[in-house]
């Protein structure tokens, strides 16, 4: 996703059994990770390594690589790592020369982690871009989330607000799709027009949510 400086390189590979013990993985989590070949902490973006300022929710950013032998996302395993590791994490899943990015918005309250929402990209070829010009680690992480989720943060929008807005957008899209199917199946012209007007209104609301 980004070109990281040499100072951020870690390249620490974990043994799966050690990881399972560390996160106290149960049977469900181990089953979720059945297609994981290996896990590596590739980069650590910290104030010491990047000279960027931390915030309450973004003290460090871990970039973790997982190589898979199928395209299935080991979501329960990822969620367990997210809950155990007290930093924000960008997961890069590798399968057949393609990459899928998985990233979560986490907030920290009284030393407790709360995962607000998790986003996945499509499987895609690797791409790299320069890190944004900023003094804040949080801005870097927000851009990571934007690249995966497909929506930019509004000015001064906090993690909780962004997560709520993404949930609302998903719900609105589902409602629009449902109404379109009803409209297309409707045979009475007046009801078809009524449903079409409703679709137009909901699309306008969706645009406001997305901007």
N, C-alpha and C. Protein backbone atom coordinates (compact mmCIF):
# COMPACT_ATOMS: atom_id res chain seq x y z
N UNK A 1 0.82 -1.21 0.00
CA UNK A 1 0.00 0.00 0.00
C UNK A 1 0.86 1.26 0.00
N UNK A 2 1.88 1.27 0.87
CA UNK A 2 2.77 2.43 0.95
C UNK A 2 4.22 1.99 0.80
N UNK A 3 5.06 2.94 0.43
CA UNK A 3 6.50 2.73 0.49
C UNK A 3 6.96 3.13 1.89
N UNK A 4 7.43 2.16 2.64
CA UNK A 4 7.85 2.41 4.02
C UNK A 4 9.36 2.59 4.08
N UNK A 5 9.79 3.42 5.00
CA UNK A 5 11.22 3.66 5.15
C UNK A 5 11.90 2.44 5.77
N UNK A 6 13.21 2.34 5.56
CA UNK A 6 13.96 1.21 6.09
C UNK A 6 13.88 1.14 7.61
N UNK A 7 13.70 2.30 8.25
CA UNK A 7 13.64 2.34 9.71
C UNK A 7 12.44 1.57 10.26
N UNK A 8 11.42 1.36 9.42
CA UNK A 8 10.20 0.68 9.90
C UNK A 8 10.26 -0.83 9.72
N UNK A 9 11.25 -1.33 8.98
CA UNK A 9 11.31 -2.76 8.70
C UNK A 9 11.59 -3.57 9.97
N UNK A 10 10.81 -4.64 10.14
CA UNK A 10 11.00 -5.56 11.27
C UNK A 10 11.26 -6.97 10.75
N UNK A 11 10.35 -7.44 9.87
CA UNK A 11 10.46 -8.76 9.25
C UNK A 11 10.64 -9.87 10.29
N UNK A 12 9.72 -9.87 11.25
CA UNK A 12 9.73 -10.86 12.32
C UNK A 12 8.67 -11.92 12.02
N UNK A 13 9.12 -13.13 11.71
CA UNK A 13 8.20 -14.22 11.38
C UNK A 13 7.83 -14.98 12.65
N UNK A 14 6.54 -15.30 12.79
CA UNK A 14 6.05 -16.00 13.98
C UNK A 14 5.79 -17.46 13.65
N UNK A 15 5.99 -18.31 14.63
CA UNK A 15 5.56 -19.70 14.53
C UNK A 15 4.09 -19.76 14.90
N UNK A 16 3.31 -20.48 14.12
CA UNK A 16 1.87 -20.51 14.34
C UNK A 16 1.52 -21.03 15.73
N UNK A 17 2.21 -22.08 16.18
CA UNK A 17 1.91 -22.63 17.50
C UNK A 17 2.18 -21.60 18.60
N UNK A 18 3.25 -20.83 18.43
CA UNK A 18 3.55 -19.78 19.41
C UNK A 18 2.48 -18.70 19.41
N UNK A 19 2.01 -18.35 18.21
CA UNK A 19 0.94 -17.35 18.12
C UNK A 19 -0.33 -17.86 18.79
N UNK A 20 -0.69 -19.10 18.52
CA UNK A 20 -1.90 -19.67 19.12
C UNK A 20 -1.82 -19.63 20.65
N UNK A 21 -0.66 -19.98 21.18
CA UNK A 21 -0.50 -19.95 22.63
C UNK A 21 -0.59 -18.52 23.16
N UNK A 22 0.02 -17.58 22.45
CA UNK A 22 0.05 -16.20 22.90
C UNK A 22 -1.34 -15.59 22.96
N UNK A 23 -2.14 -15.83 21.93
CA UNK A 23 -3.49 -15.23 21.88
C UNK A 23 -4.54 -16.13 22.52
N UNK A 24 -4.09 -17.28 23.06
CA UNK A 24 -4.99 -18.25 23.69
C UNK A 24 -6.10 -18.67 22.73
N UNK A 25 -5.66 -19.10 21.58
CA UNK A 25 -6.60 -19.46 20.51
C UNK A 25 -7.42 -20.69 20.87
N UNK A 26 -8.73 -20.59 20.68
CA UNK A 26 -9.60 -21.76 20.88
C UNK A 26 -9.72 -22.52 19.56
N UNK A 27 -10.55 -23.55 19.55
CA UNK A 27 -10.70 -24.40 18.37
C UNK A 27 -11.21 -23.61 17.17
N UNK A 28 -12.14 -22.68 17.41
CA UNK A 28 -12.71 -21.88 16.31
C UNK A 28 -11.64 -21.02 15.65
N UNK A 29 -10.79 -20.40 16.45
CA UNK A 29 -9.74 -19.54 15.92
C UNK A 29 -8.71 -20.37 15.15
N UNK A 30 -8.34 -21.52 15.69
CA UNK A 30 -7.38 -22.39 15.02
C UNK A 30 -7.94 -22.89 13.69
N UNK A 31 -9.22 -23.21 13.67
CA UNK A 31 -9.86 -23.66 12.43
C UNK A 31 -9.87 -22.54 11.40
N UNK A 32 -10.13 -21.32 11.87
CA UNK A 32 -10.12 -20.15 10.98
C UNK A 32 -8.77 -19.97 10.31
N UNK A 33 -7.70 -20.34 11.03
CA UNK A 33 -6.34 -20.13 10.52
C UNK A 33 -5.79 -21.33 9.77
N UNK A 34 -6.65 -22.27 9.41
CA UNK A 34 -6.17 -23.53 8.80
C UNK A 34 -5.48 -23.29 7.46
N UNK A 35 -5.81 -22.19 6.77
CA UNK A 35 -5.19 -21.93 5.47
C UNK A 35 -4.05 -20.92 5.55
N UNK A 36 -3.63 -20.57 6.78
CA UNK A 36 -2.54 -19.61 6.96
C UNK A 36 -1.21 -20.36 6.92
N UNK A 37 -0.36 -19.98 5.98
CA UNK A 37 0.96 -20.61 5.86
C UNK A 37 1.93 -20.00 6.86
N UNK A 38 1.97 -18.68 6.91
CA UNK A 38 2.85 -18.01 7.86
C UNK A 38 2.36 -16.60 8.14
N UNK A 39 2.85 -16.04 9.22
CA UNK A 39 2.51 -14.68 9.65
C UNK A 39 3.80 -13.94 9.96
N UNK A 40 3.91 -12.72 9.47
CA UNK A 40 5.11 -11.93 9.70
C UNK A 40 4.74 -10.49 10.05
N UNK A 41 5.40 -9.96 11.07
CA UNK A 41 5.33 -8.53 11.35
C UNK A 41 6.38 -7.88 10.46
N UNK A 42 5.92 -7.22 9.39
CA UNK A 42 6.84 -6.69 8.39
C UNK A 42 7.34 -5.29 8.74
N UNK A 43 6.42 -4.44 9.21
CA UNK A 43 6.80 -3.06 9.51
C UNK A 43 6.14 -2.59 10.79
N UNK A 44 6.83 -1.74 11.50
CA UNK A 44 6.26 -1.05 12.66
C UNK A 44 6.40 0.45 12.44
N UNK A 45 5.27 1.13 12.37
CA UNK A 45 5.27 2.59 12.23
C UNK A 45 5.02 3.17 13.61
N UNK A 46 6.07 3.61 14.24
CA UNK A 46 6.00 4.17 15.59
C UNK A 46 6.58 5.58 15.57
N UNK A 47 6.33 6.38 16.60
CA UNK A 47 6.93 7.71 16.66
C UNK A 47 8.46 7.66 16.56
N UNK A 48 9.07 6.65 17.18
CA UNK A 48 10.53 6.54 17.17
C UNK A 48 11.06 6.22 15.77
N UNK A 49 10.32 5.40 15.03
CA UNK A 49 10.79 4.95 13.71
C UNK A 49 10.40 5.90 12.59
N UNK A 50 9.34 6.69 12.79
CA UNK A 50 8.82 7.55 11.72
C UNK A 50 8.92 9.04 12.01
N UNK A 51 9.16 9.40 13.27
CA UNK A 51 9.15 10.81 13.70
C UNK A 51 7.76 11.43 13.60
N UNK A 52 6.71 10.59 13.55
CA UNK A 52 5.34 11.08 13.51
C UNK A 52 4.73 10.98 14.90
N UNK A 53 3.82 11.92 15.20
CA UNK A 53 3.22 11.97 16.53
C UNK A 53 2.13 10.93 16.69
N UNK A 54 2.08 10.33 17.86
CA UNK A 54 1.02 9.36 18.18
C UNK A 54 -0.22 10.09 18.67
N UNK A 55 -1.34 9.36 18.71
CA UNK A 55 -2.59 9.89 19.28
C UNK A 55 -3.12 8.82 20.24
N UNK A 56 -4.23 9.10 20.88
CA UNK A 56 -4.79 8.15 21.85
C UNK A 56 -5.10 6.80 21.20
N UNK A 57 -5.62 6.82 19.97
CA UNK A 57 -6.01 5.58 19.31
C UNK A 57 -4.96 5.03 18.35
N UNK A 58 -4.01 5.85 17.96
CA UNK A 58 -2.96 5.40 17.03
C UNK A 58 -1.60 5.71 17.63
N UNK A 59 -1.16 4.79 18.47
CA UNK A 59 0.16 4.94 19.10
C UNK A 59 1.24 4.33 18.22
N UNK A 60 0.91 3.23 17.58
CA UNK A 60 1.79 2.58 16.60
C UNK A 60 0.90 1.90 15.57
N UNK A 61 1.47 1.64 14.40
CA UNK A 61 0.78 0.89 13.35
C UNK A 61 1.64 -0.30 12.97
N UNK A 62 1.06 -1.49 13.04
CA UNK A 62 1.74 -2.69 12.60
C UNK A 62 1.28 -3.04 11.19
N UNK A 63 2.22 -3.42 10.34
CA UNK A 63 1.89 -3.97 9.03
C UNK A 63 2.26 -5.45 9.08
N UNK A 64 1.24 -6.31 8.99
CA UNK A 64 1.45 -7.75 9.14
C UNK A 64 1.09 -8.48 7.85
N UNK A 65 1.98 -9.36 7.43
CA UNK A 65 1.77 -10.16 6.23
C UNK A 65 1.34 -11.57 6.59
N UNK A 66 0.33 -12.06 5.87
CA UNK A 66 -0.10 -13.46 6.00
C UNK A 66 -0.09 -14.09 4.61
N UNK A 67 0.58 -15.21 4.48
CA UNK A 67 0.51 -15.98 3.24
C UNK A 67 -0.48 -17.11 3.42
N UNK A 68 -1.39 -17.24 2.46
CA UNK A 68 -2.48 -18.21 2.54
C UNK A 68 -2.37 -19.23 1.42
N UNK A 69 -2.93 -20.42 1.67
CA UNK A 69 -2.97 -21.42 0.60
C UNK A 69 -4.36 -21.53 -0.05
N UNK A 70 -5.32 -20.72 0.39
CA UNK A 70 -6.60 -20.53 -0.28
C UNK A 70 -6.97 -19.05 -0.16
N UNK A 71 -7.98 -18.63 -0.88
CA UNK A 71 -8.38 -17.22 -0.86
C UNK A 71 -9.32 -16.88 0.29
N UNK A 72 -9.66 -17.87 1.11
CA UNK A 72 -10.56 -17.62 2.24
C UNK A 72 -9.89 -16.73 3.27
N UNK A 73 -10.60 -15.72 3.76
CA UNK A 73 -10.05 -14.80 4.74
C UNK A 73 -10.18 -15.41 6.14
N UNK A 74 -9.09 -15.57 6.88
CA UNK A 74 -9.16 -16.14 8.24
C UNK A 74 -9.63 -15.10 9.25
N UNK A 75 -10.88 -14.69 9.12
CA UNK A 75 -11.37 -13.51 9.84
C UNK A 75 -11.36 -13.70 11.35
N UNK A 76 -11.70 -14.89 11.84
CA UNK A 76 -11.69 -15.10 13.30
C UNK A 76 -10.27 -15.01 13.87
N UNK A 77 -9.32 -15.53 13.13
CA UNK A 77 -7.92 -15.44 13.53
C UNK A 77 -7.46 -13.98 13.54
N UNK A 78 -7.85 -13.23 12.52
CA UNK A 78 -7.50 -11.81 12.43
C UNK A 78 -8.14 -11.04 13.58
N UNK A 79 -9.39 -11.33 13.87
CA UNK A 79 -10.08 -10.65 14.97
C UNK A 79 -9.39 -10.93 16.31
N UNK A 80 -8.92 -12.16 16.49
CA UNK A 80 -8.22 -12.52 17.73
C UNK A 80 -6.92 -11.73 17.86
N UNK A 81 -6.19 -11.59 16.76
CA UNK A 81 -4.96 -10.80 16.79
C UNK A 81 -5.27 -9.33 17.07
N UNK A 82 -6.34 -8.83 16.45
CA UNK A 82 -6.74 -7.44 16.67
C UNK A 82 -7.05 -7.15 18.13
N UNK A 83 -7.71 -8.10 18.78
CA UNK A 83 -8.09 -7.90 20.18
C UNK A 83 -6.91 -8.06 21.13
N UNK A 84 -5.90 -8.81 20.69
CA UNK A 84 -4.75 -9.06 21.56
C UNK A 84 -3.70 -7.97 21.45
N UNK A 85 -3.49 -7.45 20.23
CA UNK A 85 -2.41 -6.49 19.98
C UNK A 85 -2.92 -5.07 20.20
N UNK A 86 -2.25 -4.33 21.06
CA UNK A 86 -2.71 -3.00 21.46
C UNK A 86 -2.32 -1.89 20.50
N UNK A 87 -2.24 -2.21 19.23
CA UNK A 87 -1.94 -1.20 18.22
C UNK A 87 -2.83 -1.42 17.01
N UNK A 88 -2.92 -0.41 16.16
CA UNK A 88 -3.66 -0.56 14.91
C UNK A 88 -2.85 -1.45 13.98
N UNK A 89 -3.56 -2.26 13.18
CA UNK A 89 -2.88 -3.23 12.31
C UNK A 89 -3.45 -3.16 10.89
N UNK A 90 -2.56 -3.13 9.92
CA UNK A 90 -2.92 -3.35 8.52
C UNK A 90 -2.45 -4.75 8.15
N UNK A 91 -3.40 -5.63 7.82
CA UNK A 91 -3.07 -6.98 7.40
C UNK A 91 -2.97 -7.03 5.88
N UNK A 92 -1.90 -7.64 5.39
CA UNK A 92 -1.75 -7.89 3.96
C UNK A 92 -1.82 -9.39 3.75
N UNK A 93 -2.91 -9.85 3.14
CA UNK A 93 -3.08 -11.28 2.87
C UNK A 93 -2.58 -11.57 1.46
N UNK A 94 -1.77 -12.62 1.33
CA UNK A 94 -1.15 -12.96 0.05
C UNK A 94 -1.65 -14.32 -0.42
N UNK A 95 -2.12 -14.35 -1.67
CA UNK A 95 -2.55 -15.61 -2.28
C UNK A 95 -2.44 -15.49 -3.79
N UNK A 96 -1.71 -16.43 -4.40
CA UNK A 96 -1.57 -16.46 -5.86
C UNK A 96 -1.15 -15.11 -6.45
N UNK A 97 -0.16 -14.50 -5.87
CA UNK A 97 0.43 -13.25 -6.37
C UNK A 97 -0.51 -12.06 -6.25
N UNK A 98 -1.60 -12.23 -5.53
CA UNK A 98 -2.50 -11.11 -5.28
C UNK A 98 -2.53 -10.79 -3.79
N UNK A 99 -3.02 -9.60 -3.48
CA UNK A 99 -3.05 -9.12 -2.10
C UNK A 99 -4.46 -8.65 -1.75
N UNK A 100 -4.90 -9.00 -0.57
CA UNK A 100 -6.12 -8.45 -0.01
C UNK A 100 -5.74 -7.73 1.29
N UNK A 101 -6.20 -6.50 1.44
CA UNK A 101 -5.92 -5.73 2.66
C UNK A 101 -7.11 -5.85 3.61
N UNK A 102 -6.81 -6.09 4.88
CA UNK A 102 -7.83 -6.12 5.92
C UNK A 102 -7.38 -5.16 7.02
N UNK A 103 -8.28 -4.28 7.43
CA UNK A 103 -7.92 -3.26 8.41
C UNK A 103 -9.13 -2.99 9.30
N UNK A 104 -8.87 -2.71 10.56
CA UNK A 104 -9.94 -2.45 11.52
C UNK A 104 -9.75 -1.10 12.18
N UNK A 105 -10.87 -0.50 12.55
CA UNK A 105 -10.84 0.69 13.41
C UNK A 105 -10.98 0.22 14.84
N UNK A 106 -9.97 0.51 15.63
CA UNK A 106 -9.98 0.12 17.05
C UNK A 106 -9.85 1.37 17.91
N UNK A 107 -10.57 1.37 19.02
CA UNK A 107 -10.41 2.45 20.00
C UNK A 107 -9.99 1.82 21.32
N UNK A 108 -9.32 2.61 22.13
CA UNK A 108 -8.76 2.12 23.38
C UNK A 108 -9.32 2.93 24.53
N UNK A 109 -10.01 2.24 25.40
CA UNK A 109 -10.66 2.88 26.54
C UNK A 109 -10.25 2.17 27.82
N UNK A 110 -9.51 2.89 28.67
CA UNK A 110 -9.04 2.33 29.94
C UNK A 110 -8.32 1.00 29.72
N UNK A 111 -7.38 1.03 28.79
CA UNK A 111 -6.55 -0.13 28.47
C UNK A 111 -7.31 -1.28 27.83
N UNK A 112 -8.57 -1.07 27.47
CA UNK A 112 -9.36 -2.11 26.80
C UNK A 112 -9.52 -1.77 25.33
N UNK A 113 -9.49 -2.80 24.50
CA UNK A 113 -9.60 -2.62 23.06
C UNK A 113 -11.03 -2.87 22.62
N UNK A 114 -11.54 -1.98 21.79
CA UNK A 114 -12.85 -2.18 21.17
C UNK A 114 -12.68 -2.07 19.66
N UNK A 115 -12.99 -3.16 18.95
CA UNK A 115 -12.94 -3.16 17.49
C UNK A 115 -14.27 -2.64 16.97
N UNK A 116 -14.24 -1.50 16.32
CA UNK A 116 -15.47 -0.86 15.85
C UNK A 116 -15.98 -1.46 14.54
N UNK A 117 -15.08 -1.63 13.59
CA UNK A 117 -15.50 -2.11 12.27
C UNK A 117 -14.27 -2.58 11.50
N UNK A 118 -14.45 -3.64 10.74
CA UNK A 118 -13.36 -4.19 9.94
C UNK A 118 -13.70 -4.07 8.46
N UNK A 119 -12.70 -3.71 7.68
CA UNK A 119 -12.89 -3.51 6.24
C UNK A 119 -11.94 -4.42 5.47
N UNK A 120 -12.41 -4.89 4.31
CA UNK A 120 -11.59 -5.72 3.42
C UNK A 120 -11.57 -5.09 2.03
N UNK A 121 -10.42 -5.16 1.38
CA UNK A 121 -10.34 -4.78 -0.03
C UNK A 121 -10.67 -6.00 -0.88
N UNK A 122 -10.75 -5.80 -2.18
CA UNK A 122 -10.83 -6.93 -3.10
C UNK A 122 -9.42 -7.52 -3.25
N UNK A 123 -9.34 -8.73 -3.76
CA UNK A 123 -8.03 -9.27 -4.14
C UNK A 123 -7.52 -8.44 -5.31
N UNK A 124 -6.27 -8.06 -5.26
CA UNK A 124 -5.73 -7.13 -6.26
C UNK A 124 -4.22 -7.32 -6.39
N UNK A 125 -3.70 -6.75 -7.48
CA UNK A 125 -2.26 -6.74 -7.64
C UNK A 125 -1.63 -5.76 -6.67
N UNK A 126 -0.36 -5.94 -6.34
CA UNK A 126 0.29 -5.02 -5.41
C UNK A 126 0.40 -3.62 -5.99
N UNK A 127 0.22 -2.62 -5.14
CA UNK A 127 0.46 -1.24 -5.56
C UNK A 127 1.13 -0.50 -4.41
N UNK A 128 1.89 0.51 -4.74
CA UNK A 128 2.61 1.27 -3.74
C UNK A 128 2.39 2.76 -3.98
N UNK A 129 2.29 3.52 -2.90
CA UNK A 129 2.23 4.97 -2.98
C UNK A 129 3.05 5.55 -1.84
N UNK A 130 3.41 6.79 -1.99
CA UNK A 130 4.22 7.42 -0.95
C UNK A 130 3.35 7.73 0.26
N UNK A 131 3.95 7.71 1.43
CA UNK A 131 3.24 8.10 2.64
C UNK A 131 2.82 9.55 2.55
N UNK A 132 1.66 9.91 3.11
CA UNK A 132 1.21 11.31 3.05
C UNK A 132 2.14 12.22 3.84
N UNK A 133 2.21 13.45 3.41
CA UNK A 133 3.00 14.44 4.14
C UNK A 133 2.20 14.87 5.37
N UNK A 134 2.62 14.46 6.52
CA UNK A 134 1.89 14.73 7.75
C UNK A 134 2.82 14.60 8.93
N UNK A 135 2.39 15.09 10.05
CA UNK A 135 3.14 14.91 11.30
C UNK A 135 2.43 13.93 12.23
N UNK A 136 1.32 13.33 11.75
CA UNK A 136 0.47 12.51 12.61
C UNK A 136 0.38 11.07 12.11
N UNK A 137 0.61 10.13 13.01
CA UNK A 137 0.40 8.73 12.68
C UNK A 137 -1.08 8.45 12.36
N UNK A 138 -1.96 9.14 13.05
CA UNK A 138 -3.40 8.90 12.84
C UNK A 138 -3.82 9.23 11.42
N UNK A 139 -3.22 10.26 10.83
CA UNK A 139 -3.56 10.61 9.44
C UNK A 139 -3.11 9.51 8.49
N UNK A 140 -1.95 8.91 8.77
CA UNK A 140 -1.48 7.78 7.95
C UNK A 140 -2.47 6.63 8.05
N UNK A 141 -2.92 6.33 9.28
CA UNK A 141 -3.84 5.21 9.46
C UNK A 141 -5.19 5.49 8.81
N UNK A 142 -5.67 6.72 8.91
CA UNK A 142 -6.94 7.06 8.26
C UNK A 142 -6.84 6.89 6.75
N UNK A 143 -5.69 7.19 6.17
CA UNK A 143 -5.54 6.99 4.73
C UNK A 143 -5.49 5.51 4.38
N UNK A 144 -4.88 4.70 5.26
CA UNK A 144 -4.91 3.25 5.07
C UNK A 144 -6.36 2.75 5.04
N UNK A 145 -7.15 3.19 6.01
CA UNK A 145 -8.56 2.79 6.07
C UNK A 145 -9.30 3.25 4.82
N UNK A 146 -9.04 4.49 4.41
CA UNK A 146 -9.68 5.03 3.21
C UNK A 146 -9.37 4.18 1.99
N UNK A 147 -8.12 3.75 1.84
CA UNK A 147 -7.73 2.94 0.68
C UNK A 147 -8.45 1.60 0.67
N UNK A 148 -8.73 1.05 1.84
CA UNK A 148 -9.39 -0.26 1.92
C UNK A 148 -10.91 -0.12 1.83
N UNK A 149 -11.47 0.83 2.59
CA UNK A 149 -12.93 0.98 2.66
C UNK A 149 -13.50 1.72 1.45
N UNK A 150 -12.69 2.56 0.83
CA UNK A 150 -13.16 3.28 -0.35
C UNK A 150 -13.80 4.62 -0.06
N UNK A 151 -13.81 5.04 1.20
CA UNK A 151 -14.39 6.32 1.58
C UNK A 151 -13.42 7.11 2.45
N UNK A 152 -13.30 8.40 2.15
CA UNK A 152 -12.40 9.26 2.92
C UNK A 152 -13.06 9.67 4.24
N UNK A 153 -12.23 9.96 5.20
CA UNK A 153 -12.72 10.53 6.45
C UNK A 153 -13.12 11.98 6.21
N UNK A 154 -14.21 12.40 6.82
CA UNK A 154 -14.55 13.82 6.82
C UNK A 154 -13.61 14.57 7.75
N UNK A 155 -13.53 15.86 7.55
CA UNK A 155 -12.66 16.67 8.39
C UNK A 155 -13.08 16.53 9.86
N UNK A 156 -12.13 16.23 10.71
CA UNK A 156 -12.33 16.07 12.16
C UNK A 156 -13.21 14.87 12.52
N UNK A 157 -13.49 13.98 11.55
CA UNK A 157 -14.31 12.80 11.84
C UNK A 157 -13.50 11.80 12.66
N UNK A 158 -14.04 11.37 13.78
CA UNK A 158 -13.34 10.41 14.63
C UNK A 158 -13.71 8.99 14.22
N UNK A 159 -12.99 8.01 14.76
CA UNK A 159 -13.18 6.63 14.35
C UNK A 159 -14.62 6.15 14.54
N UNK A 160 -15.21 6.47 15.69
CA UNK A 160 -16.58 6.02 15.96
C UNK A 160 -17.56 6.59 14.94
N UNK A 161 -17.41 7.85 14.59
CA UNK A 161 -18.31 8.49 13.62
C UNK A 161 -18.14 7.87 12.24
N UNK A 162 -16.90 7.61 11.85
CA UNK A 162 -16.65 7.00 10.54
C UNK A 162 -17.26 5.60 10.48
N UNK A 163 -17.07 4.82 11.53
CA UNK A 163 -17.62 3.46 11.56
C UNK A 163 -19.14 3.49 11.46
N UNK A 164 -19.78 4.41 12.18
CA UNK A 164 -21.24 4.54 12.11
C UNK A 164 -21.69 4.94 10.71
N UNK A 165 -20.95 5.84 10.08
CA UNK A 165 -21.32 6.30 8.73
C UNK A 165 -21.17 5.17 7.72
N UNK A 166 -20.12 4.36 7.85
CA UNK A 166 -19.94 3.24 6.93
C UNK A 166 -21.07 2.21 7.09
N UNK A 167 -21.51 1.99 8.34
CA UNK A 167 -22.63 1.09 8.59
C UNK A 167 -23.91 1.62 7.95
N UNK A 168 -24.12 2.94 8.09
CA UNK A 168 -25.32 3.57 7.51
C UNK A 168 -25.30 3.50 5.99
N UNK A 169 -24.12 3.69 5.39
CA UNK A 169 -23.99 3.61 3.93
C UNK A 169 -24.33 2.22 3.44
N UNK A 170 -23.82 1.21 4.12
CA UNK A 170 -24.10 -0.18 3.72
C UNK A 170 -25.59 -0.47 3.81
N UNK A 171 -26.23 -0.01 4.89
CA UNK A 171 -27.66 -0.23 5.07
C UNK A 171 -28.46 0.50 3.99
N UNK A 172 -28.06 1.74 3.68
CA UNK A 172 -28.75 2.52 2.65
C UNK A 172 -28.65 1.85 1.28
N UNK A 173 -27.49 1.33 0.95
CA UNK A 173 -27.30 0.65 -0.33
C UNK A 173 -28.19 -0.59 -0.42
N UNK A 174 -28.30 -1.32 0.68
CA UNK A 174 -29.14 -2.52 0.69
C UNK A 174 -30.61 -2.15 0.50
N UNK A 175 -31.03 -1.05 1.12
CA UNK A 175 -32.43 -0.60 0.98
C UNK A 175 -32.71 -0.16 -0.45
N UNK A 176 -31.75 0.53 -1.05
CA UNK A 176 -31.92 0.98 -2.43
C UNK A 176 -32.04 -0.21 -3.37
N UNK A 177 -31.16 -1.20 -3.18
CA UNK A 177 -31.20 -2.40 -4.02
C UNK A 177 -32.54 -3.12 -3.87
N UNK A 178 -33.06 -3.18 -2.67
CA UNK A 178 -34.35 -3.82 -2.42
C UNK A 178 -35.47 -3.07 -3.13
N UNK A 179 -35.44 -1.73 -3.04
CA UNK A 179 -36.48 -0.92 -3.69
C UNK A 179 -36.42 -1.03 -5.21
N UNK A 180 -35.21 -1.09 -5.76
CA UNK A 180 -35.06 -1.21 -7.20
C UNK A 180 -35.67 -2.52 -7.70
N UNK A 181 -35.47 -3.60 -6.96
CA UNK A 181 -36.07 -4.89 -7.33
C UNK A 181 -37.59 -4.82 -7.27
N UNK A 182 -38.10 -4.14 -6.23
CA UNK A 182 -39.56 -3.98 -6.12
C UNK A 182 -40.09 -3.14 -7.27
N UNK A 183 -39.37 -2.06 -7.59
CA UNK A 183 -39.80 -1.18 -8.69
C UNK A 183 -39.83 -1.94 -10.01
N UNK A 184 -38.78 -2.70 -10.27
CA UNK A 184 -38.69 -3.41 -11.55
C UNK A 184 -39.72 -4.52 -11.68
N UNK A 185 -40.15 -5.05 -10.53
CA UNK A 185 -41.15 -6.11 -10.56
C UNK A 185 -42.58 -5.58 -10.55
N UNK A 186 -42.75 -4.30 -10.20
CA UNK A 186 -44.09 -3.70 -10.10
C UNK A 186 -44.71 -3.49 -11.48
N UNK A 187 -45.99 -3.85 -11.63
CA UNK A 187 -46.68 -3.74 -12.91
C UNK A 187 -47.60 -2.52 -12.98
N UNK A 188 -47.99 -2.02 -11.83
CA UNK A 188 -48.89 -0.86 -11.84
C UNK A 188 -48.05 0.42 -12.03
N UNK A 189 -48.33 1.20 -13.07
CA UNK A 189 -47.53 2.38 -13.39
C UNK A 189 -47.41 3.37 -12.24
N UNK A 190 -48.53 3.64 -11.54
CA UNK A 190 -48.47 4.64 -10.47
C UNK A 190 -47.57 4.19 -9.32
N UNK A 191 -47.64 2.91 -8.99
CA UNK A 191 -46.78 2.39 -7.92
C UNK A 191 -45.32 2.33 -8.37
N UNK A 192 -45.10 2.03 -9.67
CA UNK A 192 -43.75 1.99 -10.21
C UNK A 192 -43.12 3.39 -10.13
N UNK A 193 -43.90 4.41 -10.46
CA UNK A 193 -43.41 5.80 -10.39
C UNK A 193 -43.11 6.19 -8.94
N UNK A 194 -44.00 5.79 -8.05
CA UNK A 194 -43.81 6.09 -6.63
C UNK A 194 -42.53 5.47 -6.09
N UNK A 195 -42.31 4.21 -6.45
CA UNK A 195 -41.09 3.53 -6.01
C UNK A 195 -39.84 4.16 -6.63
N UNK A 196 -39.95 4.56 -7.89
CA UNK A 196 -38.82 5.19 -8.57
C UNK A 196 -38.45 6.51 -7.90
N UNK A 197 -39.45 7.29 -7.51
CA UNK A 197 -39.19 8.55 -6.80
C UNK A 197 -38.50 8.28 -5.46
N UNK A 198 -38.93 7.21 -4.80
CA UNK A 198 -38.32 6.85 -3.52
C UNK A 198 -36.86 6.47 -3.70
N UNK A 199 -36.57 5.72 -4.78
CA UNK A 199 -35.19 5.34 -5.09
C UNK A 199 -34.33 6.58 -5.31
N UNK A 200 -34.87 7.55 -6.06
CA UNK A 200 -34.12 8.78 -6.33
C UNK A 200 -33.80 9.53 -5.04
N UNK A 201 -34.77 9.60 -4.15
CA UNK A 201 -34.56 10.30 -2.87
C UNK A 201 -33.50 9.59 -2.03
N UNK A 202 -33.58 8.27 -2.02
CA UNK A 202 -32.62 7.51 -1.21
C UNK A 202 -31.22 7.60 -1.80
N UNK A 203 -31.11 7.69 -3.11
CA UNK A 203 -29.80 7.86 -3.74
C UNK A 203 -29.19 9.22 -3.41
N UNK A 204 -30.05 10.24 -3.32
CA UNK A 204 -29.56 11.56 -2.91
C UNK A 204 -29.05 11.53 -1.48
N UNK A 205 -29.80 10.84 -0.61
CA UNK A 205 -29.36 10.69 0.80
C UNK A 205 -28.04 9.93 0.85
N UNK A 206 -27.90 8.93 0.00
CA UNK A 206 -26.67 8.14 -0.03
C UNK A 206 -25.48 9.03 -0.44
N UNK A 207 -25.68 9.86 -1.42
CA UNK A 207 -24.62 10.77 -1.84
C UNK A 207 -24.17 11.68 -0.71
N UNK A 208 -25.13 12.13 0.09
CA UNK A 208 -24.78 13.00 1.23
C UNK A 208 -23.98 12.20 2.28
N UNK A 209 -24.38 10.94 2.47
CA UNK A 209 -23.63 10.09 3.42
C UNK A 209 -22.20 9.85 2.94
N UNK A 210 -22.05 9.68 1.65
CA UNK A 210 -20.74 9.32 1.09
C UNK A 210 -19.78 10.49 0.99
N UNK A 211 -20.30 11.69 0.99
CA UNK A 211 -19.42 12.87 0.78
C UNK A 211 -18.87 13.39 2.11
